[in-house]
Amino acid sequence: MELNRTMALAAILGSGLLAACAAQQDMSESADAQQANAAEVPDSETLQEIRLNAEQVALTRPPQESDVVCERIAPTGSHIPQRRCLTRAALREETEQAQEWLRSDGSRGAITEVR
């Protein structure tokens, strides 16, 4: 009986030692990967070029109808603003309907909510 306990204890300690060695190896591989990534950091000229390219892309791309536009509105009777997000197409359609409703004194068009 005493021999079985000793063997079980040795097996547990051995597996713990094996796990600790494996963890140490993973940590050293991780440190090597971090050093390799640090060596790939672009210089300031490359970063400036990336920024300029991003700005050009942002400025040359026209707004799409499927772009989502968010606004903060305070509903009637409340001072707590809420975030409301719609596509540009839905926002344009809602605006046109509300303007038509106002022009026709409420006989045409629709208003979906009072702001």
PDB file of N, CA and C in Angstrom:
ATOM      1  N   MET A   1       0.811  -1.186   0.000  1.00  0.00           N
ATOM      2  CA  MET A   1       0.000   0.000   0.000  1.00  0.00           C
ATOM      3  C   MET A   1       0.864   1.265   0.000  1.00  0.00           C
ATOM      4  N   GLU A   2       1.911   1.217   0.828  1.00  0.00           N
ATOM      5  CA  GLU A   2       2.821   2.350   0.933  1.00  0.00           C
ATOM      6  C   GLU A   2       3.557   2.567  -0.394  1.00  0.00           C
ATOM      7  N   LEU A   3       3.842   1.503  -1.105  1.00  0.00           N
ATOM      8  CA  LEU A   3       4.537   1.589  -2.380  1.00  0.00           C
ATOM      9  C   LEU A   3       3.665   2.258  -3.429  1.00  0.00           C
ATOM     10  N   ASN A   4       2.344   1.958  -3.425  1.00  0.00           N
ATOM     11  CA  ASN A   4       1.421   2.572  -4.371  1.00  0.00           C
ATOM     12  C   ASN A   4       1.331   4.086  -4.152  1.00  0.00           C
ATOM     13  N   ARG A   5       1.306   4.509  -2.893  1.00  0.00           N
ATOM     14  CA  ARG A   5       1.257   5.948  -2.592  1.00  0.00           C
ATOM     15  C   ARG A   5       2.531   6.638  -3.073  1.00  0.00           C
ATOM     16  N   THR A   6       3.648   5.997  -2.853  1.00  0.00           N
ATOM     17  CA  THR A   6       4.925   6.571  -3.263  1.00  0.00           C
ATOM     18  C   THR A   6       4.980   6.697  -4.777  1.00  0.00           C
ATOM     19  N   MET A   7       4.511   5.669  -5.477  1.00  0.00           N
ATOM     20  CA  MET A   7       4.521   5.709  -6.933  1.00  0.00           C
ATOM     21  C   MET A   7       3.558   6.781  -7.459  1.00  0.00           C
ATOM     22  N   ALA A   8       2.391   6.902  -6.817  1.00  0.00           N
ATOM     23  CA  ALA A   8       1.425   7.919  -7.239  1.00  0.00           C
ATOM     24  C   ALA A   8       1.996   9.307  -7.011  1.00  0.00           C
ATOM     25  N   LEU A   9       2.660   9.508  -5.871  1.00  0.00           N
ATOM     26  CA  LEU A   9       3.259  10.806  -5.566  1.00  0.00           C
ATOM     27  C   LEU A   9       4.375  11.114  -6.569  1.00  0.00           C
ATOM     28  N   ALA A  10       5.164  10.137  -6.916  1.00  0.00           N
ATOM     29  CA  ALA A  10       6.236  10.325  -7.886  1.00  0.00           C
ATOM     30  C   ALA A  10       5.658  10.657  -9.259  1.00  0.00           C
ATOM     31  N   ALA A  11       4.562  10.009  -9.633  1.00  0.00           N
ATOM     32  CA  ALA A  11       3.926  10.279 -10.919  1.00  0.00           C
ATOM     33  C   ALA A  11       3.383  11.707 -10.962  1.00  0.00           C
ATOM     34  N   ILE A  12       2.774  12.147  -9.871  1.00  0.00           N
ATOM     35  CA  ILE A  12       2.224  13.505  -9.799  1.00  0.00           C
ATOM     36  C   ILE A  12       3.338  14.538  -9.878  1.00  0.00           C
ATOM     37  N   LEU A  13       4.407  14.315  -9.116  1.00  0.00           N
ATOM     38  CA  LEU A  13       5.528  15.250  -9.144  1.00  0.00           C
ATOM     39  C   LEU A  13       6.195  15.264 -10.514  1.00  0.00           C
ATOM     40  N   GLY A  14       6.310  14.116 -11.125  1.00  0.00           N
ATOM     41  CA  GLY A  14       6.917  14.037 -12.450  1.00  0.00           C
ATOM     42  C   GLY A  14       6.094  14.772 -13.497  1.00  0.00           C
ATOM     43  N   SER A  15       4.789  14.610 -13.432  1.00  0.00           N
ATOM     44  CA  SER A  15       3.942  15.304 -14.401  1.00  0.00           C
ATOM     45  C   SER A  15       3.964  16.812 -14.162  1.00  0.00           C
ATOM     46  N   GLY A  16       4.051  17.226 -12.907  1.00  0.00           N
ATOM     47  CA  GLY A  16       4.150  18.652 -12.600  1.00  0.00           C
ATOM     48  C   GLY A  16       5.442  19.245 -13.133  1.00  0.00           C
ATOM     49  N   LEU A  17       6.536  18.493 -12.983  1.00  0.00           N
ATOM     50  CA  LEU A  17       7.828  18.944 -13.493  1.00  0.00           C
ATOM     51  C   LEU A  17       7.813  19.028 -15.010  1.00  0.00           C
ATOM     52  N   LEU A  18       7.198  18.058 -15.647  1.00  0.00           N
ATOM     53  CA  LEU A  18       7.088  18.058 -17.106  1.00  0.00           C
ATOM     54  C   LEU A  18       6.261  19.251 -17.599  1.00  0.00           C
ATOM     55  N   ALA A  19       5.156  19.544 -16.909  1.00  0.00           N
ATOM     56  CA  ALA A  19       4.316  20.678 -17.287  1.00  0.00           C
ATOM     57  C   ALA A  19       5.063  21.995 -17.113  1.00  0.00           C
ATOM     58  N   ALA A  20       5.852  22.107 -16.049  1.00  0.00           N
ATOM     59  CA  ALA A  20       6.617  23.331 -15.813  1.00  0.00           C
ATOM     60  C   ALA A  20       7.652  23.539 -16.904  1.00  0.00           C
ATOM     61  N   CYS A  21       8.289  22.479 -17.341  1.00  0.00           N
ATOM     62  CA  CYS A  21       9.279  22.592 -18.419  1.00  0.00           C
ATOM     63  C   CYS A  21       8.620  23.015 -19.727  1.00  0.00           C
ATOM     64  N   ALA A  22       7.449  22.447 -20.014  1.00  0.00           N
ATOM     65  CA  ALA A  22       6.737  22.804 -21.244  1.00  0.00           C
ATOM     66  C   ALA A  22       6.316  24.263 -21.204  1.00  0.00           C
ATOM     67  N   ALA A  23       5.859  24.734 -20.063  1.00  0.00           N
ATOM     68  CA  ALA A  23       5.445  26.132 -19.933  1.00  0.00           C
ATOM     69  C   ALA A  23       6.629  27.059 -20.125  1.00  0.00           C
ATOM     70  N   GLN A  24       7.785  26.673 -19.599  1.00  0.00           N
ATOM     71  CA  GLN A  24       8.982  27.489 -19.751  1.00  0.00           C
ATOM     72  C   GLN A  24       9.375  27.592 -21.217  1.00  0.00           C
ATOM     73  N   GLN A  25       9.255  26.502 -21.955  1.00  0.00           N
ATOM     74  CA  GLN A  25       9.598  26.505 -23.374  1.00  0.00           C
ATOM     75  C   GLN A  25       8.637  27.401 -24.141  1.00  0.00           C
ATOM     76  N   ASP A  26       7.315  27.347 -23.842  1.00  0.00           N
ATOM     77  CA  ASP A  26       6.339  28.208 -24.494  1.00  0.00           C
ATOM     78  C   ASP A  26       6.646  29.671 -24.235  1.00  0.00           C
ATOM     79  N   MET A  27       7.043  29.994 -23.015  1.00  0.00           N
ATOM     80  CA  MET A  27       7.339  31.379 -22.679  1.00  0.00           C
ATOM     81  C   MET A  27       8.559  31.872 -23.451  1.00  0.00           C
ATOM     82  N   SER A  28       9.585  31.025 -23.613  1.00  0.00           N
ATOM     83  CA  SER A  28      10.771  31.461 -24.346  1.00  0.00           C
ATOM     84  C   SER A  28      10.450  31.620 -25.829  1.00  0.00           C
ATOM     85  N   GLU A  29       9.593  30.754 -26.395  1.00  0.00           N
ATOM     86  CA  GLU A  29       9.173  30.902 -27.790  1.00  0.00           C
ATOM     87  C   GLU A  29       8.377  32.191 -27.963  1.00  0.00           C
ATOM     88  N   SER A  30       7.539  32.502 -26.986  1.00  0.00           N
ATOM     89  CA  SER A  30       6.752  33.729 -27.030  1.00  0.00           C
ATOM     90  C   SER A  30       7.661  34.956 -26.993  1.00  0.00           C
ATOM     91  N   ALA A  31       8.697  34.921 -26.167  1.00  0.00           N
ATOM     92  CA  ALA A  31       9.632  36.047 -26.086  1.00  0.00           C
ATOM     93  C   ALA A  31      10.375  36.211 -27.399  1.00  0.00           C
ATOM     94  N   ASP A  32      10.756  35.080 -28.043  1.00  0.00           N
ATOM     95  CA  ASP A  32      11.423  35.158 -29.340  1.00  0.00           C
ATOM     96  C   ASP A  32      10.518  35.793 -30.384  1.00  0.00           C
ATOM     97  N   ALA A  33       9.242  35.427 -30.373  1.00  0.00           N
ATOM     98  CA  ALA A  33       8.288  35.991 -31.327  1.00  0.00           C
ATOM     99  C   ALA A  33       8.124  37.492 -31.099  1.00  0.00           C
ATOM    100  N   GLN A  34       8.104  37.928 -29.843  1.00  0.00           N
ATOM    101  CA  GLN A  34       7.973  39.353 -29.551  1.00  0.00           C
ATOM    102  C   GLN A  34       9.192  40.122 -30.041  1.00  0.00           C
ATOM    103  N   GLN A  35      10.373  39.546 -29.882  1.00  0.00           N
ATOM    104  CA  GLN A  35      11.578  40.214 -30.357  1.00  0.00           C
ATOM    105  C   GLN A  35      11.574  40.311 -31.882  1.00  0.00           C
ATOM    106  N   ALA A  36      11.078  39.276 -32.552  1.00  0.00           N
ATOM    107  CA  ALA A  36      11.007  39.303 -34.012  1.00  0.00           C
ATOM    108  C   ALA A  36      10.022  40.368 -34.471  1.00  0.00           C
ATOM    109  N   ASN A  37       8.887  40.494 -33.781  1.00  0.00           N
ATOM    110  CA  ASN A  37       7.902  41.516 -34.127  1.00  0.00           C
ATOM    111  C   ASN A  37       8.443  42.916 -33.867  1.00  0.00           C
ATOM    112  N   ALA A  38       9.230  43.082 -32.820  1.00  0.00           N
ATOM    113  CA  ALA A  38       9.795  44.388 -32.505  1.00  0.00           C
ATOM    114  C   ALA A  38      10.777  44.817 -33.591  1.00  0.00           C
ATOM    115  N   ALA A  39      11.431  43.865 -34.212  1.00  0.00           N
ATOM    116  CA  ALA A  39      12.375  44.190 -35.272  1.00  0.00           C
ATOM    117  C   ALA A  39      11.653  44.645 -36.533  1.00  0.00           C
ATOM    118  N   GLU A  40      10.351  44.330 -36.681  1.00  0.00           N
ATOM    119  CA  GLU A  40       9.588  44.673 -37.870  1.00  0.00           C
ATOM    120  C   GLU A  40       8.852  46.007 -37.763  1.00  0.00           C
ATOM    121  N   VAL A  41       9.083  46.773 -36.720  1.00  0.00           N
ATOM    122  CA  VAL A  41       8.405  48.053 -36.550  1.00  0.00           C
ATOM    123  C   VAL A  41       8.896  49.011 -37.629  1.00  0.00           C
ATOM    124  N   PRO A  42       7.968  49.600 -38.402  1.00  0.00           N
ATOM    125  CA  PRO A  42       8.394  50.492 -39.482  1.00  0.00           C
ATOM    126  C   PRO A  42       8.971  51.802 -38.932  1.00  0.00           C
ATOM    127  N   ASP A  43       9.820  52.421 -39.740  1.00  0.00           N
ATOM    128  CA  ASP A  43      10.414  53.688 -39.331  1.00  0.00           C
ATOM    129  C   ASP A  43       9.409  54.824 -39.511  1.00  0.00           C
ATOM    130  N   SER A  44       9.796  56.016 -39.106  1.00  0.00           N
ATOM    131  CA  SER A  44       8.867  57.147 -39.116  1.00  0.00           C
ATOM    132  C   SER A  44       8.457  57.544 -40.533  1.00  0.00           C
ATOM    133  N   GLU A  45       9.347  57.395 -41.508  1.00  0.00           N
ATOM    134  CA  GLU A  45       8.982  57.734 -42.889  1.00  0.00           C
ATOM    135  C   GLU A  45       7.909  56.787 -43.422  1.00  0.00           C
ATOM    136  N   THR A  46       8.050  55.507 -43.104  1.00  0.00           N
ATOM    137  CA  THR A  46       7.061  54.527 -43.546  1.00  0.00           C
ATOM    138  C   THR A  46       5.722  54.797 -42.875  1.00  0.00           C
ATOM    139  N   LEU A  47       5.736  55.123 -41.587  1.00  0.00           N
ATOM    140  CA  LEU A  47       4.487  55.439 -40.878  1.00  0.00           C
ATOM    141  C   LEU A  47       3.819  56.669 -41.467  1.00  0.00           C
ATOM    142  N   GLN A  48       4.608  57.684 -41.816  1.00  0.00           N
ATOM    143  CA  GLN A  48       4.056  58.896 -42.421  1.00  0.00           C
ATOM    144  C   GLN A  48       3.410  58.576 -43.769  1.00  0.00           C
ATOM    145  N   GLU A  49       4.079  57.723 -44.557  1.00  0.00           N
ATOM    146  CA  GLU A  49       3.525  57.322 -45.850  1.00  0.00           C
ATOM    147  C   GLU A  49       2.209  56.560 -45.682  1.00  0.00           C
ATOM    148  N   ILE A  50       2.154  55.702 -44.673  1.00  0.00           N
ATOM    149  CA  ILE A  50       0.916  54.957 -44.397  1.00  0.00           C
ATOM    150  C   ILE A  50      -0.197  55.918 -44.021  1.00  0.00           C
ATOM    151  N   ARG A  51       0.108  56.910 -43.181  1.00  0.00           N
ATOM    152  CA  ARG A  51      -0.911  57.898 -42.782  1.00  0.00           C
ATOM    153  C   ARG A  51      -1.434  58.671 -43.992  1.00  0.00           C
ATOM    154  N   LEU A  52      -0.515  59.107 -44.857  1.00  0.00           N
ATOM    155  CA  LEU A  52      -0.928  59.868 -46.040  1.00  0.00           C
ATOM    156  C   LEU A  52      -1.797  59.019 -46.967  1.00  0.00           C
ATOM    157  N   ASN A  53      -1.431  57.756 -47.158  1.00  0.00           N
ATOM    158  CA  ASN A  53      -2.241  56.872 -47.993  1.00  0.00           C
ATOM    159  C   ASN A  53      -3.629  56.676 -47.400  1.00  0.00           C
ATOM    160  N   ALA A  54      -3.701  56.507 -46.082  1.00  0.00           N
ATOM    161  CA  ALA A  54      -5.001  56.327 -45.431  1.00  0.00           C
ATOM    162  C   ALA A  54      -5.865  57.572 -45.587  1.00  0.00           C
ATOM    163  N   GLU A  55      -5.255  58.749 -45.458  1.00  0.00           N
ATOM    164  CA  GLU A  55      -6.007  59.992 -45.624  1.00  0.00           C
ATOM    165  C   GLU A  55      -6.511  60.139 -47.052  1.00  0.00           C
ATOM    166  N   GLN A  56      -5.689  59.785 -48.028  1.00  0.00           N
ATOM    167  CA  GLN A  56      -6.116  59.871 -49.424  1.00  0.00           C
ATOM    168  C   GLN A  56      -7.284  58.946 -49.698  1.00  0.00           C
ATOM    169  N   VAL A  57      -7.217  57.735 -49.184  1.00  0.00           N
ATOM    170  CA  VAL A  57      -8.309  56.785 -49.384  1.00  0.00           C
ATOM    171  C   VAL A  57      -9.579  57.316 -48.730  1.00  0.00           C
ATOM    172  N   ALA A  58      -9.457  57.868 -47.537  1.00  0.00           N
ATOM    173  CA  ALA A  58     -10.626  58.386 -46.836  1.00  0.00           C
ATOM    174  C   ALA A  58     -11.216  59.589 -47.563  1.00  0.00           C
ATOM    175  N   LEU A  59     -10.375  60.424 -48.162  1.00  0.00           N
ATOM    176  CA  LEU A  59     -10.862  61.619 -48.834  1.00  0.00           C
ATOM    177  C   LEU A  59     -11.408  61.336 -50.227  1.00  0.00           C
ATOM    178  N   THR A  60     -10.871  60.328 -50.902  1.00  0.00           N
ATOM    179  CA  THR A  60     -11.304  60.065 -52.272  1.00  0.00           C
ATOM    180  C   THR A  60     -12.526  59.172 -52.352  1.00  0.00           C
ATOM    181  N   ARG A  61     -12.829  58.433 -51.310  1.00  0.00           N
ATOM    182  CA  ARG A  61     -13.979  57.542 -51.330  1.00  0.00           C
ATOM    183  C   ARG A  61     -15.245  58.338 -51.034  1.00  0.00           C
ATOM    184  N   PRO A  62     -16.174  58.395 -51.980  1.00  0.00           N
ATOM    185  CA  PRO A  62     -17.418  59.121 -51.712  1.00  0.00           C
ATOM    186  C   PRO A  62     -18.286  58.345 -50.723  1.00  0.00           C
ATOM    187  N   PRO A  63     -19.128  59.050 -49.974  1.00  0.00           N
ATOM    188  CA  PRO A  63     -20.012  58.357 -49.035  1.00  0.00           C
ATOM    189  C   PRO A  63     -20.941  57.399 -49.787  1.00  0.00           C
ATOM    190  N   GLN A  64     -21.132  56.234 -49.241  1.00  0.00           N
ATOM    191  CA  GLN A  64     -21.994  55.223 -49.833  1.00  0.00           C
ATOM    192  C   GLN A  64     -23.369  55.273 -49.176  1.00  0.00           C
ATOM    193  N   GLU A  65     -24.376  54.859 -49.913  1.00  0.00           N
ATOM    194  CA  GLU A  65     -25.736  54.820 -49.361  1.00  0.00           C
ATOM    195  C   GLU A  65     -25.851  53.792 -48.240  1.00  0.00           C
ATOM    196  N   SER A  66     -24.979  52.800 -48.257  1.00  0.00           N
ATOM    197  CA  SER A  66     -25.044  51.757 -47.228  1.00  0.00           C
ATOM    198  C   SER A  66     -24.235  52.112 -45.985  1.00  0.00           C
ATOM    199  N   ASP A  67     -23.539  53.254 -45.990  1.00  0.00           N
ATOM    200  CA  ASP A  67     -22.799  53.688 -44.803  1.00  0.00           C
ATOM    201  C   ASP A  67     -23.771  53.966 -43.669  1.00  0.00           C
ATOM    202  N   VAL A  68     -23.383  53.599 -42.473  1.00  0.00           N
ATOM    203  CA  VAL A  68     -24.222  53.831 -41.305  1.00  0.00           C
ATOM    204  C   VAL A  68     -23.811  55.149 -40.657  1.00  0.00           C
ATOM    205  N   VAL A  69     -24.806  55.970 -40.364  1.00  0.00           N
ATOM    206  CA  VAL A  69     -24.584  57.269 -39.727  1.00  0.00           C
ATOM    207  C   VAL A  69     -25.288  57.235 -38.372  1.00  0.00           C
ATOM    208  N   CYS A  70     -24.569  57.596 -37.334  1.00  0.00           N
ATOM    209  CA  CYS A  70     -25.146  57.600 -35.993  1.00  0.00           C
ATOM    210  C   CYS A  70     -25.271  59.036 -35.496  1.00  0.00           C
ATOM    211  N   GLU A  71     -26.321  59.291 -34.752  1.00  0.00           N
ATOM    212  CA  GLU A  71     -26.528  60.612 -34.161  1.00  0.00           C
ATOM    213  C   GLU A  71     -27.070  60.438 -32.756  1.00  0.00           C
ATOM    214  N   ARG A  72     -26.844  61.435 -31.944  1.00  0.00           N
ATOM    215  CA  ARG A  72     -27.372  61.412 -30.571  1.00  0.00           C
ATOM    216  C   ARG A  72     -28.543  62.376 -30.534  1.00  0.00           C
ATOM    217  N   ILE A  73     -29.711  61.848 -30.178  1.00  0.00           N
ATOM    218  CA  ILE A  73     -30.916  62.674 -30.101  1.00  0.00           C
ATOM    219  C   ILE A  73     -31.515  62.551 -28.709  1.00  0.00           C
ATOM    220  N   ALA A  74     -32.155  63.612 -28.269  1.00  0.00           N
ATOM    221  CA  ALA A  74     -32.883  63.581 -27.008  1.00  0.00           C
ATOM    222  C   ALA A  74     -34.365  63.496 -27.372  1.00  0.00           C
ATOM    223  N   PRO A  75     -35.018  62.375 -27.102  1.00  0.00           N
ATOM    224  CA  PRO A  75     -36.432  62.240 -27.442  1.00  0.00           C
ATOM    225  C   PRO A  75     -37.282  63.311 -26.753  1.00  0.00           C
ATOM    226  N   THR A  76     -38.406  63.613 -27.356  1.00  0.00           N
ATOM    227  CA  THR A  76     -39.310  64.607 -26.795  1.00  0.00           C
ATOM    228  C   THR A  76     -39.693  64.202 -25.375  1.00  0.00           C
ATOM    229  N   GLY A  77     -39.567  65.146 -24.451  1.00  0.00           N
ATOM    230  CA  GLY A  77     -39.920  64.896 -23.058  1.00  0.00           C
ATOM    231  C   GLY A  77     -38.787  64.313 -22.241  1.00  0.00           C
ATOM    232  N   SER A  78     -37.598  64.233 -22.822  1.00  0.00           N
ATOM    233  CA  SER A  78     -36.479  63.647 -22.097  1.00  0.00           C
ATOM    234  C   SER A  78     -35.221  64.475 -22.352  1.00  0.00           C
ATOM    235  N   HIS A  79     -34.375  64.525 -21.367  1.00  0.00           N
ATOM    236  CA  HIS A  79     -33.084  65.186 -21.519  1.00  0.00           C
ATOM    237  C   HIS A  79     -31.968  64.162 -21.698  1.00  0.00           C
ATOM    238  N   ILE A  80     -32.331  62.897 -21.710  1.00  0.00           N
ATOM    239  CA  ILE A  80     -31.338  61.834 -21.829  1.00  0.00           C
ATOM    240  C   ILE A  80     -31.156  61.494 -23.307  1.00  0.00           C
ATOM    241  N   PRO A  81     -29.993  61.794 -23.861  1.00  0.00           N
ATOM    242  CA  PRO A  81     -29.788  61.502 -25.290  1.00  0.00           C
ATOM    243  C   PRO A  81     -29.699  59.999 -25.542  1.00  0.00           C
ATOM    244  N   GLN A  82     -30.149  59.627 -26.712  1.00  0.00           N
ATOM    245  CA  GLN A  82     -30.064  58.239 -27.141  1.00  0.00           C
ATOM    246  C   GLN A  82     -29.296  58.199 -28.459  1.00  0.00           C
ATOM    247  N   ARG A  83     -28.634  57.111 -28.702  1.00  0.00           N
ATOM    248  CA  ARG A  83     -27.891  56.940 -29.947  1.00  0.00           C
ATOM    249  C   ARG A  83     -28.801  56.281 -30.969  1.00  0.00           C
ATOM    250  N   ARG A  84     -28.852  56.866 -32.158  1.00  0.00           N
ATOM    251  CA  ARG A  84     -29.723  56.369 -33.219  1.00  0.00           C
ATOM    252  C   ARG A  84     -28.881  56.212 -34.469  1.00  0.00           C
ATOM    253  N   CYS A  85     -28.857  55.011 -35.030  1.00  0.00           N
ATOM    254  CA  CYS A  85     -28.024  54.731 -36.198  1.00  0.00           C
ATOM    255  C   CYS A  85     -28.895  54.268 -37.362  1.00  0.00           C
ATOM    256  N   LEU A  86     -28.699  54.894 -38.523  1.00  0.00           N
ATOM    257  CA  LEU A  86     -29.419  54.541 -39.745  1.00  0.00           C
ATOM    258  C   LEU A  86     -28.438  54.564 -40.907  1.00  0.00           C
ATOM    259  N   THR A  87     -28.800  53.889 -41.986  1.00  0.00           N
ATOM    260  CA  THR A  87     -27.996  54.014 -43.193  1.00  0.00           C
ATOM    261  C   THR A  87     -28.257  55.385 -43.803  1.00  0.00           C
ATOM    262  N   ARG A  88     -27.344  55.831 -44.644  1.00  0.00           N
ATOM    263  CA  ARG A  88     -27.541  57.132 -45.298  1.00  0.00           C
ATOM    264  C   ARG A  88     -28.827  57.136 -46.121  1.00  0.00           C
ATOM    265  N   ALA A  89     -29.121  56.022 -46.782  1.00  0.00           N
ATOM    266  CA  ALA A  89     -30.330  55.932 -47.607  1.00  0.00           C
ATOM    267  C   ALA A  89     -31.588  56.052 -46.746  1.00  0.00           C
ATOM    268  N   ALA A  90     -31.623  55.371 -45.601  1.00  0.00           N
ATOM    269  CA  ALA A  90     -32.792  55.434 -44.719  1.00  0.00           C
ATOM    270  C   ALA A  90     -32.951  56.833 -44.125  1.00  0.00           C
ATOM    271  N   LEU A  91     -31.843  57.447 -43.760  1.00  0.00           N
ATOM    272  CA  LEU A  91     -31.894  58.799 -43.203  1.00  0.00           C
ATOM    273  C   LEU A  91     -32.394  59.794 -44.247  1.00  0.00           C
ATOM    274  N   ARG A  92     -31.905  59.679 -45.496  1.00  0.00           N
ATOM    275  CA  ARG A  92     -32.360  60.557 -46.569  1.00  0.00           C
ATOM    276  C   ARG A  92     -33.854  60.354 -46.831  1.00  0.00           C
ATOM    277  N   GLU A  93     -34.317  59.110 -46.876  1.00  0.00           N
ATOM    278  CA  GLU A  93     -35.724  58.818 -47.117  1.00  0.00           C
ATOM    279  C   GLU A  93     -36.599  59.394 -45.993  1.00  0.00           C
ATOM    280  N   GLU A  94     -36.158  59.226 -44.757  1.00  0.00           N
ATOM    281  CA  GLU A  94     -36.917  59.761 -43.623  1.00  0.00           C
ATOM    282  C   GLU A  94     -36.997  61.281 -43.685  1.00  0.00           C
ATOM    283  N   THR A  95     -35.900  61.935 -44.056  1.00  0.00           N
ATOM    284  CA  THR A  95     -35.877  63.388 -44.164  1.00  0.00           C
ATOM    285  C   THR A  95     -36.821  63.871 -45.261  1.00  0.00           C
ATOM    286  N   GLU A  96     -36.778  63.200 -46.414  1.00  0.00           N
ATOM    287  CA  GLU A  96     -37.667  63.584 -47.514  1.00  0.00           C
ATOM    288  C   GLU A  96     -39.137  63.406 -47.143  1.00  0.00           C
ATOM    289  N   GLN A  97     -39.479  62.318 -46.473  1.00  0.00           N
ATOM    290  CA  GLN A  97     -40.858  62.086 -46.056  1.00  0.00           C
ATOM    291  C   GLN A  97     -41.328  63.150 -45.062  1.00  0.00           C
ATOM    292  N   ALA A  98     -40.464  63.505 -44.122  1.00  0.00           N
ATOM    293  CA  ALA A  98     -40.838  64.522 -43.137  1.00  0.00           C
ATOM    294  C   ALA A  98     -41.010  65.892 -43.794  1.00  0.00           C
ATOM    295  N   GLN A  99     -40.131  66.218 -44.751  1.00  0.00           N
ATOM    296  CA  GLN A  99     -40.254  67.494 -45.446  1.00  0.00           C
ATOM    297  C   GLN A  99     -41.533  67.539 -46.275  1.00  0.00           C
ATOM    298  N   GLU A 100     -41.870  66.438 -46.923  1.00  0.00           N
ATOM    299  CA  GLU A 100     -43.113  66.379 -47.702  1.00  0.00           C
ATOM    300  C   GLU A 100     -44.322  66.530 -46.784  1.00  0.00           C
ATOM    301  N   TRP A 101     -44.276  65.930 -45.622  1.00  0.00           N
ATOM    302  CA  TRP A 101     -45.375  66.036 -44.657  1.00  0.00           C
ATOM    303  C   TRP A 101     -45.549  67.494 -44.221  1.00  0.00           C
ATOM    304  N   LEU A 102     -44.436  68.194 -43.990  1.00  0.00           N
ATOM    305  CA  LEU A 102     -44.512  69.589 -43.577  1.00  0.00           C
ATOM    306  C   LEU A 102     -45.018  70.483 -44.708  1.00  0.00           C
ATOM    307  N   ARG A 103     -44.558  70.256 -45.934  1.00  0.00           N
ATOM    308  CA  ARG A 103     -44.987  71.070 -47.069  1.00  0.00           C
ATOM    309  C   ARG A 103     -46.476  70.910 -47.355  1.00  0.00           C
ATOM    310  N   SER A 104     -47.017  69.724 -47.126  1.00  0.00           N
ATOM    311  CA  SER A 104     -48.417  69.462 -47.487  1.00  0.00           C
ATOM    312  C   SER A 104     -49.360  69.602 -46.286  1.00  0.00           C
ATOM    313  N   ASP A 105     -48.907  70.193 -45.208  1.00  0.00           N
ATOM    314  CA  ASP A 105     -49.718  70.359 -43.991  1.00  0.00           C
ATOM    315  C   ASP A 105     -50.249  69.032 -43.466  1.00  0.00           C
ATOM    316  N   GLY A 106     -49.464  67.987 -43.614  1.00  0.00           N
ATOM    317  CA  GLY A 106     -49.815  66.698 -43.038  1.00  0.00           C
ATOM    318  C   GLY A 106     -50.661  65.804 -43.913  1.00  0.00           C
ATOM    319  N   SER A 107     -50.971  66.216 -45.141  1.00  0.00           N
ATOM    320  CA  SER A 107     -51.811  65.374 -45.974  1.00  0.00           C
ATOM    321  C   SER A 107     -51.004  64.337 -46.777  1.00  0.00           C
ATOM    322  N   ARG A 108     -49.736  64.598 -47.026  1.00  0.00           N
ATOM    323  CA  ARG A 108     -48.876  63.645 -47.743  1.00  0.00           C
ATOM    324  C   ARG A 108     -47.586  63.449 -46.963  1.00  0.00           C
ATOM    325  N   GLY A 109     -46.897  62.391 -47.277  1.00  0.00           N
ATOM    326  CA  GLY A 109     -45.642  62.117 -46.584  1.00  0.00           C
ATOM    327  C   GLY A 109     -45.910  61.467 -45.250  1.00  0.00           C
ATOM    328  N   ALA A 110     -44.892  61.345 -44.456  1.00  0.00           N
ATOM    329  CA  ALA A 110     -45.039  60.700 -43.150  1.00  0.00           C
ATOM    330  C   ALA A 110     -43.959  61.225 -42.223  1.00  0.00           C
ATOM    331  N   ILE A 111     -44.276  61.203 -40.966  1.00  0.00           N
ATOM    332  CA  ILE A 111     -43.234  61.477 -39.993  1.00  0.00           C
ATOM    333  C   ILE A 111     -43.196  60.271 -39.075  1.00  0.00           C
ATOM    334  N   THR A 112     -42.016  59.743 -38.881  1.00  0.00           N
ATOM    335  CA  THR A 112     -41.885  58.509 -38.107  1.00  0.00           C
ATOM    336  C   THR A 112     -41.719  58.779 -36.636  1.00  0.00           C
ATOM    337  N   GLU A 113     -41.129  59.884 -36.275  1.00  0.00           N
ATOM    338  CA  GLU A 113     -40.990  60.218 -34.868  1.00  0.00           C
ATOM    339  C   GLU A 113     -40.815  61.726 -34.723  1.00  0.00           C
ATOM    340  N   VAL A 114     -41.236  62.211 -33.606  1.00  0.00           N
ATOM    341  CA  VAL A 114     -41.087  63.632 -33.305  1.00  0.00           C
ATOM    342  C   VAL A 114     -39.820  63.781 -32.498  1.00  0.00           C
ATOM    343  N   ARG A 115     -38.944  64.657 -32.929  1.00  0.00           N
ATOM    344  CA  ARG A 115     -37.689  64.849 -32.208  1.00  0.00           C
ATOM    345  C   ARG A 115     -37.748  66.023 -31.289  1.00  0.00           C
TER     346      ARG A 115
END
